Amino acid sequence: MNAEMTPDAPTHQPRLSKGKFILFALIAAGVILAASLSYVFYFKTQTVITHPRRGPIVEAIYGLATATARNKFSFKVGLTKTVQKVHATEGQMVKKGQALMELSDGMRIFAPFAGTVTSLPYNAGENVFSDFPVVIVEDLSDQYMVANLEQQGAIRVKKGMPVKMSFETIREKIYIGTVKTVFPQKGQFVVHIESKEIPNDILPGMTADVSIVVSTKENALLVPIKAIKSGTIQIRRDGHRQKLNLKIGAMDSEWAEIISDNLNENDEIMMSK
């Protein structure tokens, strides 16, 4: 029995009317326009346009310095002894030659200079051991600053360089000092800073942010540091955007000196806010 073959029914593809086609085209164009305007608006609101400038720049090495008494007397015993008498108290100002303590075997301790007793932890009758200071006297009126630097910074610091200091408790004023010496100490690189401007209120152990001026240039080509990303910068020149690889010289906290010759003063620098 032969199966009767039935021809497939013709299929009809729906067609858009001319009006609907125009409507969809207008919607698509509106979406594209809105996206373009959004991008332009975002770019303009998130991007700052500036120019390179000529001006002075000071390159500095930054660190944290600690106030340190120049004269410090710390007495330790060689063998275990017993405290017989105590003639001073912590915080007391003493004169040169003033008795501080008497130990067993008739040992007496005197202040080698006028200063303040900053440590006297033992009382009469207590034993003292060789590992710990029995008494410490410091001259609080004569101090200098000590900063520890990393090798990269310390290698550029030289004797006589000017230093600016800002104490954590006195931020409204900048104090001036000078590098006295640079030397290694137990794997650290130590800088001694002399200053006649250290305030009387500053005590040993208090800290200051210091910037050691290592170079000054008067007419450098400068760009904002935040515009530089991995040694490159985005600019617009003659209406065209491009990325430049830069050679950077001196830097401070806001600006960088450009020593390569591929940046022009009339270039537009593009950077994020």
Protein backbone atom coordinates (compact mmCIF):
# COMPACT_ATOMS: atom_id res chain seq x y z
CA MET A 1 0.00 0.00 0.00
CA ASN A 2 1.53 3.23 -1.11
CA ALA A 3 1.46 6.14 1.26
CA GLU A 4 0.03 9.23 -0.22
CA MET A 5 2.55 12.04 -0.25
CA THR A 6 1.30 15.43 0.82
CA PRO A 7 3.32 18.45 -0.26
CA ASP A 8 4.63 20.63 2.54
CA ALA A 9 2.58 23.61 3.32
CA PRO A 10 4.31 26.78 2.21
CA THR A 11 5.91 28.78 5.01
CA HIS A 12 5.47 32.51 5.22
CA GLN A 13 8.13 34.73 6.91
CA PRO A 14 6.59 37.68 8.73
CA ARG A 15 7.68 40.97 7.32
CA LEU A 16 8.08 44.21 9.23
CA SER A 17 5.98 47.00 8.04
CA LYS A 18 7.81 50.09 6.95
CA GLY A 19 6.59 51.97 10.01
CA LYS A 20 7.82 49.33 12.44
CA PHE A 21 11.18 49.14 10.70
CA ILE A 22 11.67 52.88 11.06
CA LEU A 23 10.62 52.66 14.73
CA PHE A 24 13.17 49.92 15.50
CA ALA A 25 15.87 51.83 13.64
CA LEU A 26 15.15 54.94 15.67
CA ILE A 27 15.26 52.96 18.94
CA ALA A 28 18.61 51.37 17.99
CA ALA A 29 20.04 54.74 17.03
CA GLY A 30 18.83 56.19 20.32
CA VAL A 31 20.53 53.41 22.30
CA ILE A 32 23.80 53.95 20.45
CA LEU A 33 23.59 57.72 20.94
CA ALA A 34 22.81 57.33 24.63
CA ALA A 35 25.77 54.98 25.10
CA SER A 36 28.06 57.40 23.26
CA LEU A 37 26.88 60.37 25.31
CA SER A 38 27.28 58.37 28.52
CA TYR A 39 30.86 57.48 27.58
CA VAL A 40 31.69 61.07 26.69
CA PHE A 41 30.09 62.35 29.91
CA TYR A 42 31.92 59.74 32.02
CA PHE A 43 35.23 60.47 30.30
CA LYS A 44 34.86 64.22 30.79
CA THR A 45 33.82 63.92 34.44
CA GLN A 46 36.51 61.36 35.33
CA THR A 47 39.42 62.87 33.37
CA VAL A 48 41.46 65.98 34.06
CA ILE A 49 43.24 67.80 31.25
CA THR A 50 46.38 69.72 32.18
CA HIS A 51 49.69 70.75 30.62
CA PRO A 52 53.36 70.25 31.51
CA ARG A 53 54.84 73.24 33.28
CA ARG A 54 58.23 74.76 33.85
CA GLY A 55 59.35 75.45 37.37
CA PRO A 56 61.61 74.55 40.30
CA ILE A 57 61.61 71.12 41.88
CA VAL A 58 63.27 69.91 45.04
CA GLU A 59 64.14 66.22 45.29
CA ALA A 60 64.18 64.89 48.82
CA ILE A 61 64.70 61.66 50.73
CA TYR A 62 61.95 61.12 53.29
CA GLY A 63 62.16 59.36 56.63
CA LEU A 64 61.17 59.30 60.29
CA ALA A 65 63.64 60.72 62.81
CA THR A 66 63.74 60.31 66.58
CA ALA A 67 64.87 62.96 69.06
CA THR A 68 67.93 61.71 70.98
CA ALA A 69 69.75 63.20 73.95
CA ARG A 70 73.37 63.95 73.11
CA ASN A 71 74.54 63.25 76.68
CA LYS A 72 73.20 60.05 78.20
CA PHE A 73 74.63 58.26 81.24
CA SER A 74 73.61 54.63 81.71
CA PHE A 75 75.25 52.77 84.59
CA LYS A 76 75.49 48.98 84.83
CA VAL A 77 77.26 46.87 87.44
CA GLY A 78 79.80 44.20 86.57
CA LEU A 79 78.67 41.82 89.32
CA THR A 80 75.42 41.37 91.21
CA LYS A 81 75.12 43.91 94.03
CA THR A 82 72.54 45.16 96.50
CA VAL A 83 71.14 48.70 96.61
CA GLN A 84 71.98 50.34 99.94
CA LYS A 85 70.59 53.87 99.46
CA VAL A 86 68.78 55.78 96.70
CA HIS A 87 69.36 59.54 96.58
CA ALA A 88 67.23 60.51 93.58
CA THR A 89 63.91 59.78 91.92
CA GLU A 90 62.84 59.32 88.30
CA GLY A 91 62.11 62.64 86.62
CA GLN A 92 64.32 64.58 89.04
CA MET A 93 66.77 67.16 87.66
CA VAL A 94 70.22 66.63 89.15
CA LYS A 95 73.44 68.59 89.14
CA LYS A 96 76.83 67.41 87.99
CA GLY A 97 78.47 65.40 90.78
CA GLN A 98 75.21 64.85 92.69
CA ALA A 99 74.91 61.44 94.43
CA LEU A 100 72.38 59.11 92.84
CA MET A 101 72.75 55.75 94.55
CA GLU A 102 74.88 53.70 96.96
CA LEU A 103 75.50 49.98 96.36
CA SER A 104 77.03 47.22 98.47
CA ASP A 105 80.83 47.18 98.84
CA GLY A 106 80.73 50.96 99.24
CA MET A 107 80.14 51.72 95.54
CA ARG A 108 78.57 55.13 94.98
CA ILE A 109 77.11 56.48 91.72
CA PHE A 110 77.26 60.22 90.87
CA ALA A 111 75.75 62.22 88.02
CA PRO A 112 78.54 62.91 85.46
CA PHE A 113 76.69 65.99 84.15
CA ALA A 114 73.60 68.04 84.90
CA GLY A 115 70.47 66.38 83.58
CA THR A 116 67.27 64.50 84.32
CA VAL A 117 67.00 61.02 85.85
CA THR A 118 65.00 59.11 83.24
CA SER A 119 65.33 55.64 84.77
CA LEU A 120 65.88 54.52 88.35
CA PRO A 121 63.99 51.23 88.70
CA TYR A 122 65.50 49.88 91.95
CA ASN A 123 64.78 50.53 95.62
CA ALA A 124 66.96 50.07 98.68
CA GLY A 125 67.44 46.41 99.55
CA GLU A 126 66.96 45.12 96.00
CA ASN A 127 69.61 43.23 94.07
CA VAL A 128 70.87 44.64 90.78
CA PHE A 129 72.26 42.55 87.94
CA SER A 130 74.74 43.22 85.16
CA ASP A 131 72.22 42.96 82.33
CA PHE A 132 70.13 45.99 83.31
CA PRO A 133 70.96 49.68 83.86
CA VAL A 134 70.87 50.74 87.49
CA VAL A 135 70.27 54.40 86.66
CA ILE A 136 70.00 56.55 83.51
CA VAL A 137 70.57 60.32 83.36
CA GLU A 138 69.95 62.38 80.19
CA ASP A 139 70.52 66.02 79.33
CA LEU A 140 67.15 66.93 77.80
CA SER A 141 68.32 70.40 76.79
CA ASP A 142 70.80 69.15 74.16
CA GLN A 143 69.33 66.88 71.50
CA TYR A 144 69.79 65.83 67.88
CA MET A 145 67.67 63.76 65.49
CA VAL A 146 68.40 60.21 64.34
CA ALA A 147 66.85 58.77 61.16
CA ASN A 148 67.18 55.25 59.72
CA LEU A 149 67.08 55.10 55.92
CA GLU A 150 66.98 52.35 53.33
CA GLN A 151 70.09 51.82 51.22
CA GLN A 152 68.59 53.48 48.14
CA GLY A 153 67.98 56.70 50.05
CA ALA A 154 71.05 56.63 52.30
CA ILE A 155 73.47 56.34 49.38
CA ARG A 156 72.36 59.79 48.12
CA VAL A 157 72.53 61.57 51.49
CA LYS A 158 75.71 63.56 52.19
CA LYS A 159 77.04 65.60 55.09
CA GLY A 160 75.83 69.20 55.05
CA MET A 161 72.57 68.59 53.16
CA PRO A 162 69.63 70.68 54.45
CA VAL A 163 66.79 68.93 56.27
CA LYS A 164 63.19 69.97 56.87
CA MET A 165 61.49 68.55 59.98
CA SER A 166 57.84 68.37 60.97
CA PHE A 167 57.14 67.08 64.49
CA GLU A 168 54.01 65.00 64.92
CA THR A 169 52.81 67.20 67.77
CA ILE A 170 53.65 70.54 66.08
CA ARG A 171 52.47 70.18 62.48
CA GLU A 172 51.95 73.89 61.85
CA LYS A 173 55.69 74.70 61.72
CA ILE A 174 58.67 73.43 59.72
CA TYR A 175 62.05 73.26 61.48
CA ILE A 176 65.39 73.30 59.67
CA GLY A 177 68.39 71.07 60.31
CA THR A 178 71.55 69.77 58.62
CA VAL A 179 72.92 66.30 57.98
CA LYS A 180 75.85 65.81 60.35
CA THR A 181 76.90 62.29 59.40
CA VAL A 182 75.75 59.07 57.70
CA PHE A 183 76.99 55.64 58.81
CA PRO A 184 75.96 51.95 58.96
CA GLN A 185 74.81 50.36 62.19
CA LYS A 186 73.61 46.76 62.59
CA GLY A 187 72.32 46.52 59.04
CA GLN A 188 70.69 49.96 59.15
CA PHE A 189 71.87 53.22 57.60
CA VAL A 190 71.80 55.95 60.23
CA VAL A 191 71.65 59.70 59.64
CA HIS A 192 72.44 62.15 62.43
CA ILE A 193 70.70 65.51 61.98
CA GLU A 194 71.80 68.61 63.85
CA SER A 195 69.39 71.48 64.46
CA LYS A 196 69.35 74.53 66.69
CA GLU A 197 65.58 74.75 66.23
CA ILE A 198 64.44 71.63 68.10
CA PRO A 199 61.71 72.93 70.44
CA ASN A 200 62.22 72.68 74.18
CA ASP A 201 58.97 70.73 74.45
CA ILE A 202 60.40 67.86 72.40
CA LEU A 203 61.64 64.97 74.56
CA PRO A 204 63.94 62.07 73.66
CA GLY A 205 61.94 59.41 71.82
CA MET A 206 59.56 61.86 70.14
CA THR A 207 59.53 61.65 66.35
CA ALA A 208 59.45 63.96 63.34
CA ASP A 209 58.91 63.46 59.62
CA VAL A 210 62.06 64.60 57.85
CA SER A 211 62.85 65.43 54.23
CA ILE A 212 66.51 65.59 53.28
CA VAL A 213 67.03 67.82 50.24
CA VAL A 214 69.38 66.02 47.82
CA SER A 215 68.95 68.20 44.71
CA THR A 216 67.22 71.36 43.46
CA LYS A 217 66.47 72.31 39.85
CA GLU A 218 65.08 75.72 38.90
CA ASN A 219 63.67 75.29 35.38
CA ALA A 220 62.56 71.69 35.08
CA LEU A 221 59.80 70.34 32.81
CA LEU A 222 57.24 69.00 35.28
CA VAL A 223 54.14 66.78 35.16
CA PRO A 224 51.89 65.62 38.00
CA ILE A 225 53.06 62.34 39.51
CA LYS A 226 49.53 60.91 39.49
CA ALA A 227 49.44 61.23 35.68
CA ILE A 228 52.33 58.75 35.34
CA LYS A 229 51.48 55.05 35.21
CA SER A 230 54.39 52.58 35.04
CA GLY A 231 56.62 55.17 33.40
CA THR A 232 54.06 56.18 30.77
CA ILE A 233 51.68 59.08 30.34
CA GLN A 234 48.54 59.64 28.25
CA ILE A 235 48.55 62.83 26.21
CA ARG A 236 46.55 64.50 23.45
CA ARG A 237 48.63 66.16 20.73
CA ASP A 238 47.10 67.86 17.67
CA GLY A 239 43.75 66.27 18.54
CA HIS A 240 45.14 62.72 18.72
CA ARG A 241 45.57 60.64 21.87
CA GLN A 242 48.81 58.76 22.40
CA LYS A 243 50.88 57.13 25.10
CA LEU A 244 54.44 58.29 25.82
CA ASN A 245 57.25 56.45 27.59
CA LEU A 246 59.03 58.94 29.82
CA LYS A 247 62.43 59.26 31.47
CA ILE A 248 61.91 60.69 34.95
CA GLY A 249 64.40 62.72 36.94
CA ALA A 250 63.79 64.41 40.28
CA MET A 251 60.48 63.98 42.10
CA ASP A 252 58.76 65.56 45.06
CA SER A 253 55.43 64.70 46.64
CA GLU A 254 53.37 66.09 43.69
CA TRP A 255 55.54 66.63 40.60
CA ALA A 256 58.05 64.68 38.52
CA GLU A 257 60.79 66.10 36.32
CA ILE A 258 60.74 64.80 32.73
CA ILE A 259 64.23 64.47 31.24
CA SER A 260 63.24 62.74 27.98
CA ASP A 261 62.68 64.94 24.90
CA ASN A 262 59.39 63.43 23.67
CA LEU A 263 57.05 65.64 25.75
CA ASN A 264 56.13 69.15 24.61
CA GLU A 265 54.97 71.98 26.84
CA ASN A 266 51.77 72.42 24.78
CA ASP A 267 50.79 68.72 25.02
CA GLU A 268 47.54 68.03 26.87
CA ILE A 269 48.06 65.59 29.75
CA MET A 270 45.10 63.30 30.43
CA MET A 271 44.77 61.83 33.90
CA SER A 272 42.11 60.53 36.25
CA LYS A 273 40.69 62.75 38.94
